[in-house]
Amino acid sequence: MVKLLARKKYVELTQPFRVAFGTIAGLDVVEVELSHEGVVGRGECCPMAIYGQDADTTLAEIAAITPQIESGELDRTSLQKVLPAQSARNAIDCAFWDVEAKLSGRSVWDIAGLEAPSIIPSDVTIGIMTPEETATFAAGLCGASSIKLKLGGEHDLECLAAVRSVLPDTPLFVDVNAGWTLDRLNALAPQLADAKVFMIEQPLAPRDDPQLDEYGRAVPICADESCHDRSDLDRLEGRYQYVNIKLDKTGGLTEALALAEAARQRGFGIMVGCMLGTGLAMAPAYVLASICDVVDLDAPLIVKDPAHRGVKHDGRQLHQFGADLWG
């Protein structure tokens, strides 16, 4: 017999975090437990309003297919065709991975055919602040392996200068969360290049992707909100140089790994990112991170409850999680 349970829980941040589309103090996540043959597999997702999802609608989606899962009609492979590439499928897909690992006595790494690195360098994110606040925050990040600076606020160039005033050589990329126009992108990109910014993440809204044909390409750009699964790659090719893969967008680790392989074959650089979440969400993202060029998994640094961290981020790198957490 298979039994599926799903519940939501609130993950609070240590302090509010501002991005181009709003300020976040915490979010509801959804946790799934899948019991089968004496083992329990778990997965977690973080539905986001920017994608038209929330915890309650996600729970309803999960409830709608629970009978098929509990009857054995659906497994991890067939799940991919029943639910779309979004949060509900992510939580269930990751729970299936966890169950498969526990029942087989193999690690998720073995099943995926990947090596298991003990540490993975990961960035630290600076949210939208005043230039003075940005400089103060950046001054505490001298040991960071890389920095992501959120832009799309009132003082983008001043905040960039504030970071570079205290971290002149730390690898740096910026994330606009679709907060710019093409004119602003073309105006600011050369100045970002001068500041040694190596990548701009999602400068325009996804609907404006065709405008990127007119971008001057002073700095490579990365698709985040514009990239969900493999079906997006045709549209992105020639406009973006990187894709940001998040399990809540791909609908789980299964499609995330397939997207990474397909994107790599087309010449894209690969980034892994995350929504907000506990260690249960960070663990499968860590698996994906092992094959990525850019790793943006710093949620453990900003969640308030130590019990929610799970995967350790020491300010420079992530440390491999144990099988007691996942996989």
Protein backbone atom coordinates (compact mmCIF):
# COMPACT_ATOMS: atom_id res chain seq x y z
CA MET A 1 0.00 0.00 0.00
CA VAL A 2 1.07 3.55 -0.76
CA LYS A 3 0.00 6.44 1.44
CA LEU A 4 0.43 10.12 0.61
CA LEU A 5 0.14 12.97 3.10
CA ALA A 6 0.56 16.66 2.28
CA ARG A 7 0.61 19.69 4.56
CA LYS A 8 1.65 23.30 4.48
CA LYS A 9 3.96 25.09 6.87
CA TYR A 10 5.21 28.64 7.15
CA VAL A 11 8.89 29.40 6.67
CA GLU A 12 9.84 32.75 8.16
CA LEU A 13 12.89 34.80 7.19
CA THR A 14 15.32 36.37 9.64
CA GLN A 15 14.33 39.75 8.18
CA PRO A 16 12.21 40.99 5.25
CA PHE A 17 13.85 40.54 1.86
CA ARG A 18 13.08 42.94 -0.99
CA VAL A 19 13.19 42.06 -4.69
CA ALA A 20 11.84 43.86 -7.76
CA PHE A 21 8.32 42.41 -7.44
CA GLY A 22 7.87 42.93 -3.69
CA THR A 23 9.08 42.30 -0.16
CA ILE A 24 9.05 38.82 1.38
CA ALA A 25 8.99 38.15 5.13
CA GLY A 26 8.20 34.44 4.78
CA LEU A 27 6.25 32.00 2.65
CA ASP A 28 4.07 28.93 2.96
CA VAL A 29 5.68 25.75 1.67
CA VAL A 30 4.04 22.37 1.09
CA GLU A 31 5.59 19.14 2.35
CA VAL A 32 4.66 15.72 0.98
CA GLU A 33 5.22 12.38 2.71
CA LEU A 34 4.97 9.25 0.60
CA SER A 35 4.88 5.97 2.55
CA HIS A 36 5.53 2.69 0.76
CA GLU A 37 6.72 -0.73 1.94
CA GLY A 38 7.79 0.54 5.33
CA VAL A 39 9.75 3.60 4.18
CA VAL A 40 8.78 7.25 4.03
CA GLY A 41 9.95 9.55 1.26
CA ARG A 42 9.59 13.31 1.52
CA GLY A 43 9.54 16.28 -0.80
CA GLU A 44 8.86 19.99 -0.46
CA CYS A 45 7.78 22.79 -2.74
CA CYS A 46 7.31 26.54 -2.46
CA PRO A 47 4.38 27.81 -4.55
CA MET A 48 4.83 31.42 -5.67
CA ALA A 49 2.14 33.98 -6.52
CA ILE A 50 4.21 35.24 -9.46
CA TYR A 51 3.45 31.90 -11.12
CA GLY A 52 -0.22 31.91 -10.11
CA GLN A 53 0.25 29.38 -7.32
CA ASP A 54 -0.19 29.26 -3.56
CA ALA A 55 -0.09 26.59 -0.89
CA ASP A 56 -3.82 25.93 -0.91
CA THR A 57 -4.13 25.48 -4.67
CA THR A 58 -1.05 23.26 -4.58
CA LEU A 59 -2.58 21.11 -1.84
CA ALA A 60 -5.73 20.82 -3.97
CA GLU A 61 -3.69 19.68 -6.99
CA ILE A 62 -1.97 17.06 -4.87
CA ALA A 63 -5.26 15.88 -3.37
CA ALA A 64 -6.76 15.47 -6.84
CA ILE A 65 -4.19 12.83 -7.87
CA THR A 66 -3.64 11.24 -4.46
CA PRO A 67 -6.01 8.32 -5.26
CA GLN A 68 -3.98 7.49 -8.38
CA ILE A 69 -0.75 7.54 -6.42
CA GLU A 70 -2.10 5.48 -3.53
CA SER A 71 -3.51 2.88 -5.92
CA GLY A 72 -0.10 2.47 -7.54
CA GLU A 73 -1.34 3.83 -10.85
CA LEU A 74 1.24 6.63 -10.86
CA ASP A 75 4.97 6.44 -10.34
CA ARG A 76 7.70 9.04 -10.79
CA THR A 77 7.81 8.54 -14.57
CA SER A 78 4.10 8.70 -15.25
CA LEU A 79 3.71 11.62 -12.85
CA GLN A 80 5.52 13.82 -15.37
CA LYS A 81 2.58 13.59 -17.78
CA VAL A 82 -0.20 14.02 -15.22
CA LEU A 83 0.83 17.26 -13.51
CA PRO A 84 2.35 20.36 -15.12
CA ALA A 85 5.87 21.56 -14.43
CA GLN A 86 5.25 23.47 -11.22
CA SER A 87 5.27 23.19 -7.45
CA ALA A 88 2.81 20.35 -6.80
CA ARG A 89 4.68 17.98 -9.07
CA ASN A 90 7.99 19.02 -7.52
CA ALA A 91 7.04 17.92 -4.01
CA ILE A 92 5.68 14.57 -5.18
CA ASP A 93 8.54 13.92 -7.62
CA CYS A 94 11.14 14.50 -4.90
CA ALA A 95 9.23 12.24 -2.51
CA PHE A 96 9.33 9.49 -5.15
CA TRP A 97 13.10 9.94 -5.47
CA ASP A 98 13.46 9.61 -1.70
CA VAL A 99 11.32 6.46 -1.60
CA GLU A 100 13.24 4.91 -4.49
CA ALA A 101 16.56 5.55 -2.76
CA LYS A 102 15.40 4.07 0.54
CA LEU A 103 13.79 0.99 -1.00
CA SER A 104 16.73 0.24 -3.28
CA GLY A 105 19.42 0.86 -0.69
CA ARG A 106 21.10 3.18 -3.18
CA SER A 107 21.65 6.90 -2.84
CA VAL A 108 19.93 9.45 -5.02
CA TRP A 109 23.37 10.16 -6.45
CA ASP A 110 23.69 6.56 -7.63
CA ILE A 111 20.22 6.57 -9.14
CA ALA A 112 20.94 9.83 -10.97
CA GLY A 113 24.38 8.64 -12.10
CA LEU A 114 26.16 11.56 -10.44
CA GLU A 115 29.10 12.07 -8.12
CA ALA A 116 28.34 13.36 -4.60
CA PRO A 117 30.60 16.33 -3.79
CA SER A 118 31.10 16.99 -0.08
CA ILE A 119 30.99 20.77 -0.64
CA ILE A 120 29.65 23.03 -3.38
CA PRO A 121 30.43 26.77 -3.57
CA SER A 122 27.27 28.85 -3.41
CA ASP A 123 26.57 32.56 -3.62
CA VAL A 124 25.17 34.93 -1.01
CA THR A 125 22.34 37.24 -2.09
CA ILE A 126 22.00 40.93 -1.29
CA GLY A 127 18.41 42.14 -1.54
CA ILE A 128 17.28 45.58 -2.69
CA MET A 129 18.36 48.11 -0.06
CA THR A 130 19.62 51.66 0.06
CA PRO A 131 23.20 52.13 -1.17
CA GLU A 132 24.34 52.71 2.42
CA GLU A 133 22.63 49.53 3.65
CA THR A 134 24.05 47.62 0.70
CA ALA A 135 27.61 48.68 1.52
CA THR A 136 27.18 47.70 5.17
CA PHE A 137 25.75 44.29 4.26
CA ALA A 138 28.41 43.63 1.63
CA ALA A 139 31.17 44.44 4.11
CA GLY A 140 30.17 41.32 6.04
CA LEU A 141 30.55 39.06 3.00
CA CYS A 142 34.29 39.19 2.44
CA GLY A 143 34.50 35.38 2.53
CA ALA A 144 31.71 34.75 0.03
CA SER A 145 32.57 32.69 -3.04
CA SER A 146 30.24 34.85 -5.14
CA ILE A 147 27.57 37.53 -4.69
CA LYS A 148 24.16 37.96 -6.24
CA LEU A 149 22.89 41.53 -6.08
CA LYS A 150 19.18 42.13 -6.51
CA LEU A 151 18.45 45.11 -8.78
CA GLY A 152 15.29 46.70 -10.12
CA GLY A 153 15.01 49.30 -7.36
CA GLU A 154 15.53 53.04 -7.23
CA HIS A 155 19.32 53.10 -6.94
CA ASP A 156 20.67 50.24 -9.04
CA LEU A 157 24.02 51.72 -10.04
CA GLU A 158 24.62 53.22 -6.60
CA CYS A 159 24.01 49.82 -4.98
CA LEU A 160 26.34 48.18 -7.46
CA ALA A 161 29.02 50.74 -6.67
CA ALA A 162 28.44 50.14 -2.96
CA VAL A 163 29.17 46.44 -3.37
CA ARG A 164 32.27 47.02 -5.45
CA SER A 165 33.56 49.60 -2.96
CA VAL A 166 33.99 46.84 -0.36
CA LEU A 167 34.17 43.70 -2.55
CA PRO A 168 36.12 44.81 -5.63
CA ASP A 169 37.06 41.34 -6.86
CA THR A 170 34.40 38.92 -5.58
CA PRO A 171 32.58 37.23 -8.51
CA LEU A 172 29.32 39.15 -8.90
CA PHE A 173 26.11 38.76 -10.85
CA VAL A 174 22.84 40.67 -10.64
CA ASP A 175 19.20 39.59 -10.62
CA VAL A 176 16.56 42.00 -11.88
CA ASN A 177 13.48 39.74 -11.50
CA ALA A 178 12.00 41.19 -14.72
CA GLY A 179 12.23 44.74 -13.34
CA TRP A 180 13.81 46.53 -16.32
CA THR A 181 12.89 47.65 -19.80
CA LEU A 182 15.05 46.98 -22.85
CA ASP A 183 16.18 50.62 -22.87
CA ARG A 184 17.32 50.38 -19.26
CA LEU A 185 19.08 47.08 -19.90
CA ASN A 186 21.01 48.53 -22.84
CA ALA A 187 21.85 51.66 -20.89
CA LEU A 188 23.10 49.91 -17.75
CA ALA A 189 24.72 46.76 -19.12
CA PRO A 190 27.98 48.44 -20.25
CA GLN A 191 28.36 49.93 -16.76
CA LEU A 192 27.73 46.52 -15.23
CA ALA A 193 30.41 45.09 -17.49
CA ASP A 194 32.83 47.76 -16.27
CA ALA A 195 32.06 46.63 -12.69
CA LYS A 196 32.95 43.03 -13.64
CA VAL A 197 29.39 41.72 -13.41
CA PHE A 198 29.52 38.35 -15.14
CA MET A 199 25.79 37.77 -15.64
CA ILE A 200 22.41 39.55 -15.56
CA GLU A 201 19.52 37.37 -14.46
CA GLN A 202 16.07 37.95 -16.01
CA PRO A 203 16.27 41.65 -16.90
CA LEU A 204 12.93 41.78 -18.75
CA ALA A 205 9.52 40.23 -18.22
CA PRO A 206 9.11 36.86 -19.99
CA ARG A 207 6.55 38.35 -22.35
CA ASP A 208 9.26 40.75 -23.54
CA ASP A 209 11.80 38.05 -24.44
CA PRO A 210 11.61 38.87 -28.18
CA GLN A 211 12.96 42.34 -27.37
CA LEU A 212 16.22 40.73 -26.31
CA ASP A 213 17.03 40.41 -30.02
CA GLU A 214 17.85 44.12 -29.72
CA TYR A 215 20.09 43.75 -26.66
CA GLY A 216 23.68 44.91 -27.09
CA ARG A 217 25.06 41.89 -25.18
CA ALA A 218 27.57 43.73 -23.03
CA VAL A 219 26.94 41.14 -20.27
CA PRO A 220 25.60 37.57 -20.67
CA ILE A 221 22.04 37.11 -19.47
CA CYS A 222 20.26 34.28 -17.69
CA ALA A 223 16.63 33.16 -18.04
CA ASP A 224 14.84 32.62 -14.74
CA GLU A 225 11.14 33.43 -14.92
CA SER A 226 11.41 32.75 -18.67
CA CYS A 227 12.68 29.17 -18.22
CA HIS A 228 10.59 26.40 -16.70
CA ASP A 229 11.28 23.17 -18.56
CA ARG A 230 12.77 21.80 -21.78
CA SER A 231 9.90 23.13 -23.86
CA ASP A 232 11.22 26.68 -23.32
CA LEU A 233 14.68 26.12 -24.79
CA ASP A 234 13.77 26.78 -28.43
CA ARG A 235 12.42 30.20 -27.47
CA LEU A 236 15.41 31.05 -25.27
CA GLU A 237 18.20 30.02 -27.63
CA GLY A 238 20.04 33.01 -29.05
CA ARG A 239 18.55 35.35 -26.48
CA TYR A 240 19.94 33.96 -23.24
CA GLN A 241 23.33 32.49 -22.44
CA TYR A 242 22.37 30.84 -19.13
CA VAL A 243 19.25 29.17 -17.74
CA ASN A 244 18.32 29.17 -14.07
CA ILE A 245 16.85 25.79 -13.15
CA LYS A 246 14.60 25.68 -10.09
CA LEU A 247 12.77 22.54 -9.05
CA ASP A 248 9.58 24.46 -8.38
CA LYS A 249 9.60 25.55 -12.03
CA THR A 250 10.61 22.21 -13.55
CA GLY A 251 8.21 20.24 -11.41
CA GLY A 252 10.87 18.24 -9.62
CA LEU A 253 14.35 16.78 -9.87
CA THR A 254 13.43 14.46 -12.75
CA GLU A 255 12.75 17.26 -15.23
CA ALA A 256 15.45 19.47 -13.69
CA LEU A 257 18.15 16.94 -14.56
CA ALA A 258 16.70 16.45 -18.04
CA LEU A 259 16.55 20.21 -18.59
CA ALA A 260 20.16 20.61 -17.44
CA GLU A 261 21.34 17.99 -19.93
CA ALA A 262 19.32 19.43 -22.80
CA ALA A 263 20.43 22.99 -22.05
CA ARG A 264 24.08 21.95 -21.83
CA GLN A 265 23.83 20.23 -25.21
CA ARG A 266 22.57 23.49 -26.70
CA GLY A 267 25.45 25.49 -25.23
CA PHE A 268 23.71 27.20 -22.33
CA GLY A 269 25.48 27.78 -19.04
CA ILE A 270 23.59 26.13 -16.18
CA MET A 271 22.52 27.79 -12.95
CA VAL A 272 20.55 26.28 -10.09
CA GLY A 273 18.36 28.48 -7.93
CA CYS A 274 15.58 28.03 -5.42
CA MET A 275 12.50 29.59 -3.98
CA LEU A 276 12.29 29.80 -0.21
CA GLY A 277 12.37 26.45 1.56
CA THR A 278 13.77 24.23 4.26
CA GLY A 279 16.61 21.75 3.93
CA LEU A 280 14.12 19.31 2.46
CA ALA A 281 13.89 21.55 -0.62
CA MET A 282 17.59 22.37 -0.68
CA ALA A 283 18.72 18.71 -0.70
CA PRO A 284 17.48 17.76 -4.21
CA ALA A 285 18.61 21.18 -5.43
CA TYR A 286 22.08 20.32 -4.07
CA VAL A 287 22.06 17.21 -6.25
CA LEU A 288 21.37 19.39 -9.29
CA ALA A 289 23.98 21.92 -8.11
CA SER A 290 26.69 19.29 -8.52
CA ILE A 291 26.48 19.73 -12.31
CA CYS A 292 25.86 23.50 -12.47
CA ASP A 293 28.12 26.43 -13.32
CA VAL A 294 26.39 28.92 -10.98
CA VAL A 295 24.86 27.90 -7.65
CA ASP A 296 22.33 30.14 -5.92
CA LEU A 297 21.16 28.11 -2.93
CA ASP A 298 21.57 30.46 -0.01
CA ALA A 299 18.11 30.05 1.52
CA PRO A 300 19.65 28.34 4.61
CA LEU A 301 21.30 31.67 5.44
CA ILE A 302 18.03 33.60 5.63
CA VAL A 303 15.46 31.23 7.16
CA LYS A 304 14.77 32.09 10.79
CA ASP A 305 14.19 28.67 12.36
CA PRO A 306 17.43 26.65 12.64
CA ALA A 307 15.35 23.47 12.25
CA HIS A 308 14.43 24.62 8.74
CA ARG A 309 18.00 24.93 7.47
CA GLY A 310 18.89 21.28 6.98
CA VAL A 311 21.61 21.84 4.39
CA LYS A 312 24.47 23.87 5.86
CA HIS A 313 25.67 27.02 4.09
CA ASP A 314 28.74 28.43 5.84
CA GLY A 315 28.73 31.74 3.96
CA ARG A 316 30.95 30.40 1.19
CA GLN A 317 29.82 26.90 0.34
CA LEU A 318 27.15 24.28 0.92
CA HIS A 319 27.94 21.08 2.80
CA GLN A 320 26.52 17.76 1.70
CA PHE A 321 23.37 16.68 3.51
CA GLY A 322 22.84 13.29 5.14
CA ALA A 323 20.48 10.50 4.12
CA ASP A 324 18.45 11.23 7.26
CA LEU A 325 17.30 14.44 5.58
CA TRP A 326 16.63 13.14 2.07
CA GLY A 327 17.74 10.57 -0.47
